[in-house]
N, C-alpha and C. Protein backbone atom coordinates (compact mmCIF):
# COMPACT_ATOMS: atom_id res chain seq x y z
N MET A 1 0.85 -1.18 0.00
CA MET A 1 0.00 0.00 0.00
C MET A 1 0.89 1.24 0.00
N ARG A 2 0.83 1.97 -1.02
CA ARG A 2 1.72 3.11 -1.16
C ARG A 2 1.38 4.26 -0.22
N TYR A 3 0.16 4.28 0.34
CA TYR A 3 -0.26 5.39 1.20
C TYR A 3 0.33 5.30 2.60
N LEU A 4 0.60 4.10 3.07
CA LEU A 4 0.97 3.92 4.47
C LEU A 4 2.46 3.73 4.63
N LYS A 5 3.03 4.45 5.56
CA LYS A 5 4.40 4.25 5.99
C LYS A 5 4.33 3.77 7.42
N ARG A 6 5.16 2.82 7.78
CA ARG A 6 5.09 2.21 9.10
C ARG A 6 5.23 3.24 10.23
N ASP A 7 6.09 4.24 10.07
CA ASP A 7 6.32 5.22 11.12
C ASP A 7 5.51 6.50 10.96
N SER A 8 4.65 6.55 9.98
CA SER A 8 3.92 7.77 9.66
C SER A 8 2.91 8.13 10.74
N ARG A 9 2.92 9.37 11.17
CA ARG A 9 1.92 9.88 12.12
C ARG A 9 0.94 10.82 11.41
N ASP A 10 1.30 11.24 10.19
CA ASP A 10 0.47 12.17 9.43
C ASP A 10 -0.52 11.38 8.59
N LEU A 11 -1.80 11.53 8.87
CA LEU A 11 -2.84 10.80 8.14
C LEU A 11 -3.47 11.65 7.06
N GLY A 12 -2.99 12.87 6.88
CA GLY A 12 -3.58 13.79 5.92
C GLY A 12 -3.53 13.31 4.49
N GLY A 13 -2.56 12.46 4.14
CA GLY A 13 -2.43 11.98 2.78
C GLY A 13 -3.27 10.76 2.46
N LEU A 14 -3.99 10.23 3.43
CA LEU A 14 -4.81 9.05 3.18
C LEU A 14 -6.12 9.42 2.52
N PRO A 15 -6.61 8.58 1.63
CA PRO A 15 -7.89 8.87 0.98
C PRO A 15 -9.05 8.76 1.96
N ILE A 16 -10.11 9.51 1.71
CA ILE A 16 -11.29 9.49 2.56
C ILE A 16 -11.93 8.11 2.53
N GLY A 17 -12.32 7.64 3.69
CA GLY A 17 -13.02 6.36 3.79
C GLY A 17 -12.10 5.15 3.88
N MET A 18 -10.81 5.35 3.87
CA MET A 18 -9.89 4.23 3.99
C MET A 18 -9.53 4.03 5.46
N ALA A 19 -9.68 2.81 5.95
CA ALA A 19 -9.37 2.52 7.35
C ALA A 19 -7.87 2.54 7.57
N TYR A 20 -7.47 2.97 8.74
CA TYR A 20 -6.06 2.97 9.11
C TYR A 20 -5.93 2.36 10.49
N VAL A 21 -5.11 1.35 10.62
CA VAL A 21 -4.84 0.72 11.90
C VAL A 21 -3.35 0.83 12.15
N PRO A 22 -2.93 1.58 13.16
CA PRO A 22 -1.50 1.76 13.40
C PRO A 22 -0.84 0.48 13.90
N TRP A 23 0.45 0.34 13.67
CA TRP A 23 1.21 -0.79 14.17
C TRP A 23 1.24 -0.75 15.69
N GLN A 24 1.03 -1.88 16.31
CA GLN A 24 1.08 -1.97 17.77
C GLN A 24 2.53 -1.85 18.24
N GLN A 25 2.79 -0.95 19.15
CA GLN A 25 4.12 -0.77 19.71
C GLN A 25 4.33 -1.74 20.87
N TRP A 26 5.48 -2.38 20.93
CA TRP A 26 5.79 -3.33 22.00
C TRP A 26 6.39 -2.57 23.17
N ARG A 27 5.52 -1.99 24.00
CA ARG A 27 5.95 -1.28 25.21
C ARG A 27 4.88 -1.52 26.27
N ALA A 28 5.25 -1.37 27.52
CA ALA A 28 4.33 -1.57 28.65
C ALA A 28 3.61 -2.91 28.54
N ILE A 29 4.39 -3.97 28.38
CA ILE A 29 3.84 -5.31 28.21
C ILE A 29 3.57 -5.93 29.59
N TYR A 30 2.40 -6.55 29.73
CA TYR A 30 2.06 -7.25 30.97
C TYR A 30 2.85 -8.55 31.08
N ASP A 31 3.11 -8.99 32.32
CA ASP A 31 3.70 -10.31 32.50
C ASP A 31 2.63 -11.36 32.17
N ASP A 32 3.05 -12.62 32.07
CA ASP A 32 2.15 -13.68 31.60
C ASP A 32 0.87 -13.80 32.42
N ALA A 33 0.99 -13.82 33.74
CA ALA A 33 -0.19 -14.00 34.60
C ALA A 33 -1.16 -12.83 34.48
N GLN A 34 -0.63 -11.61 34.48
CA GLN A 34 -1.49 -10.43 34.38
C GLN A 34 -2.12 -10.36 32.99
N ALA A 35 -1.37 -10.69 31.95
CA ALA A 35 -1.91 -10.68 30.59
C ALA A 35 -3.06 -11.67 30.45
N LEU A 36 -2.91 -12.85 31.03
CA LEU A 36 -3.98 -13.84 30.98
C LEU A 36 -5.23 -13.35 31.71
N ALA A 37 -5.02 -12.71 32.86
CA ALA A 37 -6.15 -12.19 33.64
C ALA A 37 -6.84 -11.01 32.94
N ARG A 38 -6.06 -10.15 32.27
CA ARG A 38 -6.61 -8.94 31.65
C ARG A 38 -7.10 -9.18 30.22
N GLY A 39 -6.63 -10.26 29.56
CA GLY A 39 -7.06 -10.57 28.20
C GLY A 39 -6.25 -9.89 27.12
N THR A 40 -5.13 -9.27 27.47
CA THR A 40 -4.24 -8.63 26.51
C THR A 40 -2.86 -8.52 27.13
N ILE A 41 -1.83 -8.50 26.27
CA ILE A 41 -0.49 -8.27 26.80
C ILE A 41 -0.14 -6.78 26.77
N PHE A 42 -0.90 -6.00 26.02
CA PHE A 42 -0.62 -4.57 25.86
C PHE A 42 -1.45 -3.74 26.83
N SER A 43 -0.78 -3.04 27.75
CA SER A 43 -1.52 -2.26 28.74
C SER A 43 -2.34 -1.14 28.10
N GLU A 44 -1.87 -0.57 26.99
CA GLU A 44 -2.64 0.51 26.36
C GLU A 44 -3.91 0.01 25.67
N LEU A 45 -4.03 -1.31 25.49
CA LEU A 45 -5.26 -1.88 24.95
C LEU A 45 -6.20 -2.37 26.04
N ASP A 46 -5.76 -2.28 27.28
CA ASP A 46 -6.54 -2.75 28.42
C ASP A 46 -7.51 -1.66 28.85
N LEU A 47 -8.65 -1.64 28.20
CA LEU A 47 -9.66 -0.62 28.45
C LEU A 47 -10.88 -1.27 29.11
N PRO A 48 -11.60 -0.51 29.91
CA PRO A 48 -12.75 -1.09 30.60
C PRO A 48 -13.90 -1.38 29.65
N PHE A 49 -14.63 -2.44 29.92
CA PHE A 49 -15.85 -2.72 29.19
C PHE A 49 -17.00 -2.41 30.14
N LEU A 50 -17.77 -1.40 29.81
CA LEU A 50 -18.85 -0.95 30.67
C LEU A 50 -20.22 -1.34 30.13
N GLY A 51 -20.24 -2.03 29.00
CA GLY A 51 -21.51 -2.46 28.43
C GLY A 51 -22.27 -1.36 27.74
N LYS A 52 -21.63 -0.24 27.48
CA LYS A 52 -22.28 0.87 26.78
C LYS A 52 -21.22 1.66 26.02
N GLY A 53 -21.62 2.43 25.06
CA GLY A 53 -20.68 3.22 24.27
C GLY A 53 -20.43 4.58 24.88
N GLY A 54 -19.55 5.31 24.26
CA GLY A 54 -19.30 6.69 24.65
C GLY A 54 -18.49 6.86 25.92
N VAL A 55 -17.56 5.95 26.19
CA VAL A 55 -16.73 6.08 27.38
C VAL A 55 -15.70 7.18 27.14
N ASN A 56 -15.60 8.12 28.07
CA ASN A 56 -14.61 9.19 27.98
C ASN A 56 -13.25 8.63 28.40
N PRO A 57 -12.28 8.50 27.46
CA PRO A 57 -10.99 7.90 27.80
C PRO A 57 -10.20 8.71 28.83
N CYS A 58 -10.49 10.00 28.97
CA CYS A 58 -9.81 10.82 29.96
C CYS A 58 -10.28 10.53 31.38
N ALA A 59 -11.46 9.97 31.50
CA ALA A 59 -12.02 9.71 32.83
C ALA A 59 -11.83 8.26 33.28
N VAL A 60 -11.13 7.46 32.47
CA VAL A 60 -10.94 6.04 32.76
C VAL A 60 -9.78 5.85 33.72
N LYS A 61 -10.01 5.06 34.77
CA LYS A 61 -8.94 4.73 35.72
C LYS A 61 -8.05 3.66 35.10
N ARG A 62 -6.75 3.92 34.98
CA ARG A 62 -5.81 2.97 34.41
C ARG A 62 -5.23 2.10 35.52
N TYR A 63 -4.97 0.84 35.19
CA TYR A 63 -4.40 -0.09 36.17
C TYR A 63 -2.91 -0.17 36.02
């Protein structure tokens, strides 16, 4: 895909309606036991499930 560069932070050059999923960075990795309990090894993907939409990410308590 000629539009995407692995390190690119500028999305202005992408066409309208094209999905963009950034590469997952390997940082803040949970240990095995905590990852199994939380359902992810990436702490930045460990978000609360409240059963409803519209969660304000600024008001979320991080573990």
